[in-house]
N, C-alpha and C. Protein backbone atom coordinates (compact mmCIF):
# COMPACT_ATOMS: atom_id res chain seq x y z
N UNK A 1 -39.74 51.74 112.14
CA UNK A 1 -39.60 52.29 113.46
C UNK A 1 -40.86 51.95 114.27
N UNK A 2 -40.64 51.45 115.48
CA UNK A 2 -41.75 51.08 116.34
C UNK A 2 -42.35 52.31 116.97
N UNK A 3 -43.65 52.26 117.12
CA UNK A 3 -44.35 53.37 117.73
C UNK A 3 -44.15 53.32 119.25
N UNK A 4 -43.86 54.49 119.84
CA UNK A 4 -43.70 54.57 121.29
C UNK A 4 -42.26 54.43 121.76
N UNK A 5 -41.34 54.09 120.88
CA UNK A 5 -39.95 54.00 121.31
C UNK A 5 -39.31 55.37 121.46
N UNK A 6 -39.68 56.29 120.61
CA UNK A 6 -39.12 57.63 120.75
C UNK A 6 -39.81 58.32 121.92
N UNK A 7 -39.01 58.88 122.79
CA UNK A 7 -39.54 59.51 124.00
C UNK A 7 -39.14 60.97 124.05
N UNK A 8 -39.95 61.70 124.70
CA UNK A 8 -39.58 63.08 124.98
C UNK A 8 -38.95 63.08 126.37
N UNK A 9 -37.72 62.57 126.43
CA UNK A 9 -37.02 62.41 127.69
C UNK A 9 -36.19 63.63 128.03
N UNK A 10 -36.24 64.64 127.21
CA UNK A 10 -35.36 65.78 127.41
C UNK A 10 -34.18 65.68 126.46
N UNK A 11 -33.37 66.64 126.51
CA UNK A 11 -32.22 66.69 125.61
C UNK A 11 -31.12 65.75 126.10
N UNK A 12 -30.31 65.31 125.14
CA UNK A 12 -29.15 64.48 125.45
C UNK A 12 -28.19 65.31 126.31
N UNK A 13 -27.63 64.69 127.32
CA UNK A 13 -26.75 65.41 128.23
C UNK A 13 -25.38 65.66 127.62
N UNK A 14 -25.07 64.98 126.51
CA UNK A 14 -23.78 65.19 125.86
C UNK A 14 -23.87 66.16 124.69
N UNK A 15 -24.80 65.90 123.74
CA UNK A 15 -24.85 66.71 122.52
C UNK A 15 -26.05 67.66 122.48
N UNK A 16 -27.05 67.48 123.34
CA UNK A 16 -28.20 68.37 123.37
C UNK A 16 -29.30 68.00 122.39
N UNK A 17 -29.18 66.89 121.69
CA UNK A 17 -30.18 66.48 120.71
C UNK A 17 -31.45 66.01 121.42
N UNK A 18 -32.60 66.25 120.78
CA UNK A 18 -33.88 65.83 121.35
C UNK A 18 -34.26 64.42 120.92
N UNK A 19 -33.57 63.85 119.92
CA UNK A 19 -33.91 62.52 119.40
C UNK A 19 -33.27 61.45 120.27
N UNK A 20 -34.11 60.71 121.00
CA UNK A 20 -33.61 59.63 121.84
C UNK A 20 -34.65 58.51 121.89
N UNK A 21 -34.18 57.30 122.21
CA UNK A 21 -35.05 56.13 122.31
C UNK A 21 -34.83 55.47 123.66
N UNK A 22 -35.83 54.71 124.12
CA UNK A 22 -35.69 53.97 125.37
C UNK A 22 -34.61 52.91 125.20
N UNK A 23 -33.87 52.69 126.28
CA UNK A 23 -32.78 51.73 126.22
C UNK A 23 -32.64 50.99 127.54
N UNK A 24 -33.74 50.51 128.07
CA UNK A 24 -33.71 49.71 129.29
C UNK A 24 -33.91 50.55 130.54
N UNK A 25 -33.59 49.89 131.68
CA UNK A 25 -33.74 50.57 132.97
C UNK A 25 -32.46 50.36 133.77
N UNK A 26 -32.13 51.34 134.57
CA UNK A 26 -30.97 51.23 135.44
C UNK A 26 -31.34 51.85 136.79
N UNK A 27 -31.12 51.09 137.88
CA UNK A 27 -31.46 51.51 139.24
C UNK A 27 -32.88 52.04 139.35
N UNK A 28 -33.79 51.41 138.65
CA UNK A 28 -35.19 51.78 138.72
C UNK A 28 -35.58 52.98 137.87
N UNK A 29 -34.66 53.54 137.11
CA UNK A 29 -34.95 54.70 136.27
C UNK A 29 -34.89 54.31 134.80
N UNK A 30 -35.73 54.94 134.00
CA UNK A 30 -35.73 54.70 132.56
C UNK A 30 -34.43 55.22 131.95
N UNK A 31 -33.81 54.39 131.12
CA UNK A 31 -32.57 54.76 130.46
C UNK A 31 -32.87 55.08 129.01
N UNK A 32 -32.18 56.07 128.44
CA UNK A 32 -32.39 56.49 127.06
C UNK A 32 -31.06 56.48 126.32
N UNK A 33 -31.15 56.28 124.97
CA UNK A 33 -29.97 56.36 124.11
C UNK A 33 -30.22 57.44 123.07
N UNK A 34 -29.23 58.32 122.93
CA UNK A 34 -29.33 59.41 121.96
C UNK A 34 -29.12 58.84 120.56
N UNK A 35 -29.99 59.22 119.62
CA UNK A 35 -29.86 58.75 118.24
C UNK A 35 -28.71 59.43 117.52
N UNK A 36 -28.33 60.60 117.95
CA UNK A 36 -27.28 61.37 117.28
C UNK A 36 -25.88 60.88 117.67
N UNK A 37 -25.61 60.78 118.96
CA UNK A 37 -24.24 60.45 119.40
C UNK A 37 -24.14 59.08 120.07
N UNK A 38 -25.26 58.41 120.38
CA UNK A 38 -25.22 57.08 120.99
C UNK A 38 -24.99 57.10 122.49
N UNK A 39 -25.04 58.23 123.11
CA UNK A 39 -24.81 58.37 124.54
C UNK A 39 -26.02 57.85 125.32
N UNK A 40 -25.77 57.06 126.38
CA UNK A 40 -26.83 56.56 127.26
C UNK A 40 -26.97 57.50 128.45
N UNK A 41 -28.21 57.86 128.79
CA UNK A 41 -28.45 58.76 129.92
C UNK A 41 -29.81 58.46 130.52
N UNK A 42 -30.03 58.95 131.73
CA UNK A 42 -31.33 58.83 132.39
C UNK A 42 -31.90 60.24 132.54
N UNK A 43 -33.21 60.34 132.52
CA UNK A 43 -33.88 61.63 132.65
C UNK A 43 -34.07 61.93 134.13
N UNK A 44 -33.04 62.42 134.76
CA UNK A 44 -33.09 62.76 136.18
C UNK A 44 -33.10 64.27 136.33
N UNK A 45 -33.70 64.75 137.39
CA UNK A 45 -33.68 66.20 137.62
C UNK A 45 -32.26 66.66 137.94
N UNK A 46 -31.94 67.91 137.65
CA UNK A 46 -30.59 68.41 137.94
C UNK A 46 -30.32 68.41 139.44
N UNK A 47 -29.05 68.18 139.79
CA UNK A 47 -28.66 68.15 141.20
C UNK A 47 -28.48 69.56 141.74
N UNK A 48 -28.49 69.66 143.05
CA UNK A 48 -28.25 70.94 143.70
C UNK A 48 -29.53 71.73 143.95
N UNK A 49 -29.35 72.85 144.56
CA UNK A 49 -30.47 73.73 144.88
C UNK A 49 -30.64 74.77 143.78
N UNK A 50 -31.83 75.32 143.64
CA UNK A 50 -32.07 76.34 142.61
C UNK A 50 -31.20 77.59 142.84
N UNK A 51 -30.89 78.26 141.75
CA UNK A 51 -30.06 79.47 141.84
C UNK A 51 -30.74 80.56 142.66
N UNK A 52 -32.07 80.61 142.62
CA UNK A 52 -32.79 81.62 143.40
C UNK A 52 -32.60 81.41 144.90
N UNK A 53 -32.54 80.15 145.34
CA UNK A 53 -32.33 79.85 146.76
C UNK A 53 -30.93 80.29 147.18
N UNK A 54 -29.94 80.02 146.33
CA UNK A 54 -28.56 80.42 146.64
C UNK A 54 -28.46 81.95 146.68
N UNK A 55 -29.13 82.62 145.76
CA UNK A 55 -29.10 84.08 145.74
C UNK A 55 -29.74 84.66 147.00
N UNK A 56 -30.82 84.06 147.47
CA UNK A 56 -31.46 84.51 148.70
C UNK A 56 -30.52 84.33 149.89
N UNK A 57 -29.84 83.19 149.95
CA UNK A 57 -28.90 82.94 151.04
C UNK A 57 -27.78 83.96 151.02
N UNK A 58 -27.25 84.27 149.84
CA UNK A 58 -26.18 85.26 149.72
C UNK A 58 -26.67 86.65 150.12
N UNK A 59 -27.87 86.98 149.75
CA UNK A 59 -28.44 88.28 150.09
C UNK A 59 -28.63 88.40 151.60
N UNK A 60 -29.15 87.36 152.23
CA UNK A 60 -29.34 87.39 153.69
C UNK A 60 -28.01 87.52 154.41
N UNK A 61 -26.98 86.80 153.92
CA UNK A 61 -25.68 86.86 154.56
C UNK A 61 -25.02 88.22 154.34
N UNK A 62 -25.12 88.74 153.12
CA UNK A 62 -24.45 90.00 152.80
C UNK A 62 -25.09 91.19 153.50
N UNK A 63 -26.39 91.14 153.72
CA UNK A 63 -27.06 92.26 154.38
C UNK A 63 -26.73 92.30 155.87
N UNK A 64 -26.19 91.23 156.41
CA UNK A 64 -25.75 91.21 157.80
C UNK A 64 -26.83 90.75 158.76
N UNK A 65 -26.40 90.48 160.00
CA UNK A 65 -27.26 90.07 161.10
C UNK A 65 -27.94 88.72 160.90
N UNK A 66 -27.53 87.93 159.91
CA UNK A 66 -28.08 86.59 159.74
C UNK A 66 -26.89 85.63 159.63
N UNK A 67 -26.84 84.66 160.53
CA UNK A 67 -25.73 83.71 160.54
C UNK A 67 -25.96 82.58 159.54
N UNK A 68 -24.88 81.82 159.29
CA UNK A 68 -24.98 80.66 158.39
C UNK A 68 -26.04 79.68 158.88
N UNK A 69 -26.04 79.43 160.19
CA UNK A 69 -26.99 78.45 160.75
C UNK A 69 -28.43 78.93 160.62
N UNK A 70 -28.66 80.22 160.82
CA UNK A 70 -30.02 80.76 160.70
C UNK A 70 -30.51 80.66 159.25
N UNK A 71 -29.63 80.98 158.31
CA UNK A 71 -29.99 80.87 156.89
C UNK A 71 -30.28 79.42 156.54
N UNK A 72 -29.46 78.50 157.05
CA UNK A 72 -29.64 77.08 156.77
C UNK A 72 -30.98 76.58 157.30
N UNK A 73 -31.35 77.00 158.52
CA UNK A 73 -32.64 76.58 159.07
C UNK A 73 -33.79 77.16 158.26
N UNK A 74 -33.65 78.38 157.82
CA UNK A 74 -34.70 79.04 157.05
C UNK A 74 -34.92 78.36 155.70
N UNK A 75 -33.83 77.93 155.04
CA UNK A 75 -33.92 77.34 153.71
C UNK A 75 -33.93 75.81 153.71
N UNK A 76 -33.86 75.21 154.90
CA UNK A 76 -33.86 73.74 155.05
C UNK A 76 -32.69 73.09 154.32
N UNK A 77 -31.50 73.66 154.52
CA UNK A 77 -30.26 73.09 153.99
C UNK A 77 -29.25 73.07 155.13
N UNK A 78 -28.08 72.51 154.90
CA UNK A 78 -27.07 72.49 155.94
C UNK A 78 -26.31 73.81 155.97
N UNK A 79 -25.75 74.13 157.14
CA UNK A 79 -24.97 75.36 157.25
C UNK A 79 -23.69 75.29 156.42
N UNK A 80 -23.17 74.09 156.21
CA UNK A 80 -21.99 73.92 155.37
C UNK A 80 -22.31 74.26 153.91
N UNK A 81 -23.52 73.93 153.47
CA UNK A 81 -23.93 74.28 152.10
C UNK A 81 -23.97 75.79 151.93
N UNK A 82 -24.51 76.50 152.92
CA UNK A 82 -24.56 77.96 152.85
C UNK A 82 -23.14 78.53 152.83
N UNK A 83 -22.26 77.98 153.66
CA UNK A 83 -20.87 78.42 153.69
C UNK A 83 -20.21 78.23 152.32
N UNK A 84 -20.44 77.08 151.69
CA UNK A 84 -19.86 76.82 150.37
C UNK A 84 -20.40 77.77 149.31
N UNK A 85 -21.70 78.11 149.38
CA UNK A 85 -22.28 79.05 148.42
C UNK A 85 -21.63 80.42 148.57
N UNK A 86 -21.44 80.86 149.82
CA UNK A 86 -20.84 82.17 150.06
C UNK A 86 -19.39 82.19 149.59
N UNK A 87 -18.65 81.13 149.90
CA UNK A 87 -17.24 81.07 149.47
C UNK A 87 -17.11 81.02 147.95
N UNK A 88 -18.01 80.29 147.29
CA UNK A 88 -17.96 80.20 145.83
C UNK A 88 -18.19 81.58 145.20
N UNK A 89 -19.14 82.33 145.74
CA UNK A 89 -19.39 83.68 145.20
C UNK A 89 -18.25 84.62 145.54
N UNK A 90 -17.64 84.45 146.71
CA UNK A 90 -16.53 85.32 147.10
C UNK A 90 -15.33 85.11 146.19
N UNK A 91 -15.11 83.88 145.73
CA UNK A 91 -14.00 83.62 144.81
C UNK A 91 -14.18 84.33 143.47
N UNK A 92 -15.41 84.59 143.10
CA UNK A 92 -15.69 85.25 141.82
C UNK A 92 -15.45 86.76 141.88
N UNK A 93 -15.44 87.33 143.08
CA UNK A 93 -15.28 88.77 143.24
C UNK A 93 -13.83 89.19 143.01
N UNK A 94 -13.60 90.38 142.46
CA UNK A 94 -12.22 90.85 142.31
C UNK A 94 -11.64 91.24 143.66
N UNK A 95 -10.33 91.18 143.76
CA UNK A 95 -9.65 91.56 144.99
C UNK A 95 -9.73 93.09 145.10
N UNK A 96 -10.21 93.60 146.24
CA UNK A 96 -10.35 95.05 146.36
C UNK A 96 -8.99 95.74 146.39
N UNK A 97 -8.93 96.89 145.76
CA UNK A 97 -7.72 97.70 145.75
C UNK A 97 -7.68 98.53 147.02
N UNK A 98 -6.52 98.63 147.62
CA UNK A 98 -6.35 99.46 148.81
C UNK A 98 -5.97 100.85 148.33
N UNK A 99 -6.93 101.77 148.41
CA UNK A 99 -6.71 103.11 147.90
C UNK A 99 -6.21 104.06 148.98
N UNK A 100 -6.57 103.80 150.22
CA UNK A 100 -6.20 104.69 151.31
C UNK A 100 -4.78 104.47 151.78
N UNK A 101 -4.32 105.41 152.59
CA UNK A 101 -2.98 105.32 153.15
C UNK A 101 -3.01 104.39 154.36
N UNK A 102 -2.00 103.54 154.50
CA UNK A 102 -1.92 102.62 155.62
C UNK A 102 -0.89 103.14 156.61
N UNK A 103 -1.25 103.20 157.87
CA UNK A 103 -0.36 103.68 158.92
C UNK A 103 -0.12 102.53 159.88
N UNK A 104 1.16 102.26 160.21
CA UNK A 104 1.51 101.20 161.15
C UNK A 104 2.01 101.85 162.43
N UNK A 105 1.39 101.50 163.55
CA UNK A 105 1.73 102.08 164.84
C UNK A 105 1.94 100.93 165.82
N UNK A 106 3.01 100.98 166.60
CA UNK A 106 3.26 99.98 167.63
C UNK A 106 2.66 100.48 168.93
N UNK A 107 1.80 99.69 169.53
CA UNK A 107 1.18 100.07 170.79
C UNK A 107 2.14 99.76 171.93
N UNK A 108 2.42 100.78 172.73
CA UNK A 108 3.37 100.59 173.82
C UNK A 108 2.79 101.02 175.16
N UNK A 109 1.50 101.32 175.20
CA UNK A 109 0.89 101.79 176.43
C UNK A 109 1.00 100.78 177.55
N UNK A 110 0.57 99.56 177.29
CA UNK A 110 0.51 98.54 178.34
C UNK A 110 1.84 97.84 178.54
N UNK A 111 2.82 98.08 177.69
CA UNK A 111 4.07 97.34 177.76
C UNK A 111 4.77 97.58 179.10
N UNK A 112 4.83 98.82 179.56
CA UNK A 112 5.51 99.11 180.81
C UNK A 112 4.77 98.46 181.97
N UNK A 113 3.46 98.46 181.95
CA UNK A 113 2.67 97.84 183.00
C UNK A 113 2.85 96.33 182.98
N UNK A 114 2.79 95.72 181.80
CA UNK A 114 2.91 94.27 181.70
C UNK A 114 4.33 93.80 182.00
N UNK A 115 5.30 94.64 181.76
CA UNK A 115 6.69 94.26 182.02
C UNK A 115 6.94 94.13 183.52
N UNK A 116 6.24 94.93 184.32
CA UNK A 116 6.41 94.90 185.78
C UNK A 116 5.65 93.74 186.41
N UNK A 117 4.55 93.31 185.78
CA UNK A 117 3.71 92.26 186.36
C UNK A 117 4.11 90.91 185.76
N UNK A 118 3.89 89.84 186.51
CA UNK A 118 4.14 88.51 185.92
C UNK A 118 3.13 88.22 184.81
N UNK A 119 3.53 87.50 183.79
CA UNK A 119 2.61 87.22 182.67
C UNK A 119 1.57 86.16 182.98
N UNK A 120 0.98 86.19 184.18
CA UNK A 120 -0.05 85.22 184.52
C UNK A 120 -1.42 85.64 184.00
N UNK A 121 -1.51 86.85 183.49
CA UNK A 121 -2.76 87.32 182.92
C UNK A 121 -2.46 88.02 181.60
N UNK A 122 -3.42 88.02 180.71
CA UNK A 122 -3.22 88.68 179.42
C UNK A 122 -2.18 87.96 178.60
N UNK A 123 -1.82 88.53 177.49
CA UNK A 123 -0.84 87.89 176.62
C UNK A 123 0.57 88.24 177.02
N UNK A 124 0.79 89.46 177.56
CA UNK A 124 2.12 89.88 177.95
C UNK A 124 3.02 90.11 176.75
N UNK A 125 2.46 90.26 175.58
CA UNK A 125 3.24 90.41 174.35
C UNK A 125 2.89 91.75 173.72
N UNK A 126 3.89 92.40 173.15
CA UNK A 126 3.63 93.62 172.40
C UNK A 126 2.74 93.32 171.21
N UNK A 127 1.94 94.27 170.85
CA UNK A 127 1.07 94.14 169.68
C UNK A 127 1.32 95.31 168.75
N UNK A 128 1.16 95.09 167.47
CA UNK A 128 1.27 96.15 166.48
C UNK A 128 -0.11 96.40 165.89
N UNK A 129 -0.51 97.65 165.87
CA UNK A 129 -1.80 98.03 165.33
C UNK A 129 -1.58 98.57 163.92
N UNK A 130 -2.21 97.93 162.94
CA UNK A 130 -2.15 98.38 161.56
C UNK A 130 -3.50 98.97 161.21
N UNK A 131 -3.50 100.21 160.78
CA UNK A 131 -4.74 100.91 160.47
C UNK A 131 -4.75 101.26 158.99
N UNK A 132 -5.89 101.08 158.34
CA UNK A 132 -5.98 101.41 156.93
C UNK A 132 -7.41 101.72 156.52
N UNK A 133 -7.55 102.29 155.35
CA UNK A 133 -8.86 102.58 154.77
C UNK A 133 -8.88 101.95 153.38
N UNK A 134 -9.32 100.66 153.28
CA UNK A 134 -9.26 99.96 152.00
C UNK A 134 -10.10 100.61 150.91
N UNK A 135 -11.23 101.19 151.27
CA UNK A 135 -12.04 101.95 150.32
C UNK A 135 -12.71 103.06 151.12
N UNK A 136 -13.15 104.09 150.44
CA UNK A 136 -13.73 105.23 151.16
C UNK A 136 -14.90 104.82 152.06
N UNK A 137 -14.84 105.30 153.29
CA UNK A 137 -15.91 105.01 154.24
C UNK A 137 -15.71 103.74 155.04
N UNK A 138 -14.63 102.99 154.78
CA UNK A 138 -14.37 101.74 155.51
C UNK A 138 -13.02 101.86 156.19
N UNK A 139 -13.01 101.83 157.52
CA UNK A 139 -11.79 101.96 158.30
C UNK A 139 -11.47 100.61 158.92
N UNK A 140 -10.23 100.15 158.79
CA UNK A 140 -9.85 98.82 159.28
C UNK A 140 -8.66 98.96 160.21
N UNK A 141 -8.71 98.25 161.34
CA UNK A 141 -7.59 98.21 162.29
C UNK A 141 -7.33 96.75 162.63
N UNK A 142 -6.07 96.34 162.55
CA UNK A 142 -5.70 94.95 162.82
C UNK A 142 -4.56 94.95 163.83
N UNK A 143 -4.72 94.18 164.92
CA UNK A 143 -3.65 94.05 165.91
C UNK A 143 -2.95 92.73 165.68
N UNK A 144 -1.61 92.78 165.54
CA UNK A 144 -0.84 91.57 165.30
C UNK A 144 0.35 91.51 166.24
N UNK A 145 0.79 90.30 166.62
CA UNK A 145 2.01 90.18 167.42
C UNK A 145 3.21 90.44 166.52
N UNK A 146 4.35 90.77 167.11
CA UNK A 146 5.53 91.00 166.27
C UNK A 146 5.96 89.70 165.58
N UNK A 147 6.67 89.85 164.48
CA UNK A 147 7.14 88.69 163.74
C UNK A 147 8.14 87.92 164.58
N UNK A 148 8.23 86.61 164.39
CA UNK A 148 9.14 85.79 165.18
C UNK A 148 10.59 86.13 164.89
N UNK A 149 10.86 86.62 163.69
CA UNK A 149 12.22 86.97 163.33
C UNK A 149 12.63 88.32 163.91
N UNK A 150 11.69 89.06 164.49
CA UNK A 150 11.95 90.39 165.03
C UNK A 150 12.59 90.25 166.40
N UNK A 151 13.76 90.90 166.59
CA UNK A 151 14.44 90.87 167.88
C UNK A 151 14.00 92.05 168.71
N UNK A 152 13.94 91.87 170.02
CA UNK A 152 13.61 92.98 170.90
C UNK A 152 14.90 93.59 171.41
N UNK A 153 14.84 94.78 171.88
CA UNK A 153 16.02 95.46 172.38
C UNK A 153 16.49 96.50 171.40
N UNK A 154 17.76 96.87 171.51
CA UNK A 154 18.29 97.95 170.67
C UNK A 154 19.13 97.44 169.52
N UNK A 155 18.93 96.23 169.06
CA UNK A 155 19.70 95.68 167.96
C UNK A 155 19.34 96.38 166.66
N UNK A 156 18.04 96.56 166.40
CA UNK A 156 17.58 97.22 165.18
C UNK A 156 17.24 98.67 165.48
N UNK A 157 17.52 99.50 164.54
CA UNK A 157 17.13 100.90 164.63
C UNK A 157 16.02 101.15 163.62
N UNK A 158 15.41 102.32 163.66
CA UNK A 158 14.32 102.65 162.75
C UNK A 158 14.76 102.61 161.30
N UNK A 159 16.01 102.94 161.01
CA UNK A 159 16.48 102.93 159.62
C UNK A 159 16.63 101.51 159.09
N UNK A 160 16.81 100.51 159.97
CA UNK A 160 16.97 99.12 159.54
C UNK A 160 15.64 98.42 159.29
N UNK A 161 14.54 99.03 159.74
CA UNK A 161 13.25 98.36 159.61
C UNK A 161 12.75 98.44 158.17
N UNK A 162 11.74 97.64 157.90
CA UNK A 162 11.14 97.63 156.58
C UNK A 162 10.45 98.96 156.33
N UNK A 163 10.41 99.41 155.08
CA UNK A 163 9.72 100.69 154.82
C UNK A 163 8.22 100.53 155.07
N UNK A 164 7.66 101.57 155.67
CA UNK A 164 6.22 101.57 155.95
C UNK A 164 5.61 102.81 155.34
N UNK A 165 4.32 102.75 155.19
CA UNK A 165 3.60 103.92 154.71
C UNK A 165 3.08 104.65 155.92
N UNK A 166 3.57 105.84 156.17
CA UNK A 166 3.13 106.60 157.30
C UNK A 166 4.09 106.48 158.47
N UNK A 167 3.86 107.21 159.51
CA UNK A 167 4.79 107.21 160.66
C UNK A 167 4.63 105.95 161.51
N UNK A 168 5.71 105.54 162.12
CA UNK A 168 5.69 104.38 163.02
C UNK A 168 6.46 104.73 164.26
N UNK A 169 6.05 104.18 165.39
CA UNK A 169 6.79 104.39 166.62
C UNK A 169 7.45 103.08 167.02
N UNK A 170 8.67 103.19 167.47
CA UNK A 170 9.40 101.99 167.88
C UNK A 170 9.70 102.11 169.35
N UNK A 171 9.37 101.09 170.12
CA UNK A 171 9.55 101.15 171.56
C UNK A 171 10.83 100.47 171.95
């Protein structure tokens, strides 16, 4: 065995063995061959940003009042990278259970006013307000337009509608 051929190039990327020898150069980098499995690899640093940087970005975003772009400027990365880090962590979280009661209410206050005026302003469309409490201390309200399959007029009655949790008003 020649002296100096064995290198401390790090562990083999396939089997993790520390026994490797020099095996030429590729793209200006030293290439190594693992003595255990014969795998050729280069001793390059790992790709990506450190986990601590990603954790800081997630913490800044989760605490609020810091946008993706502000975090990106602070950490010298792109805003798309911050977005991908947040989405990757969000996929790992469990889907929250809706423990509170959900109440569906149709807003009809502005309907009479909008019906008399031409629809040159505003949406001119009825909206449905869905209110819920997904977890204690968090109140959520969502306004949605009626479904396209929903007919207006007196064709459907309250008994024909889908079951809802809580009272609903039909205009």
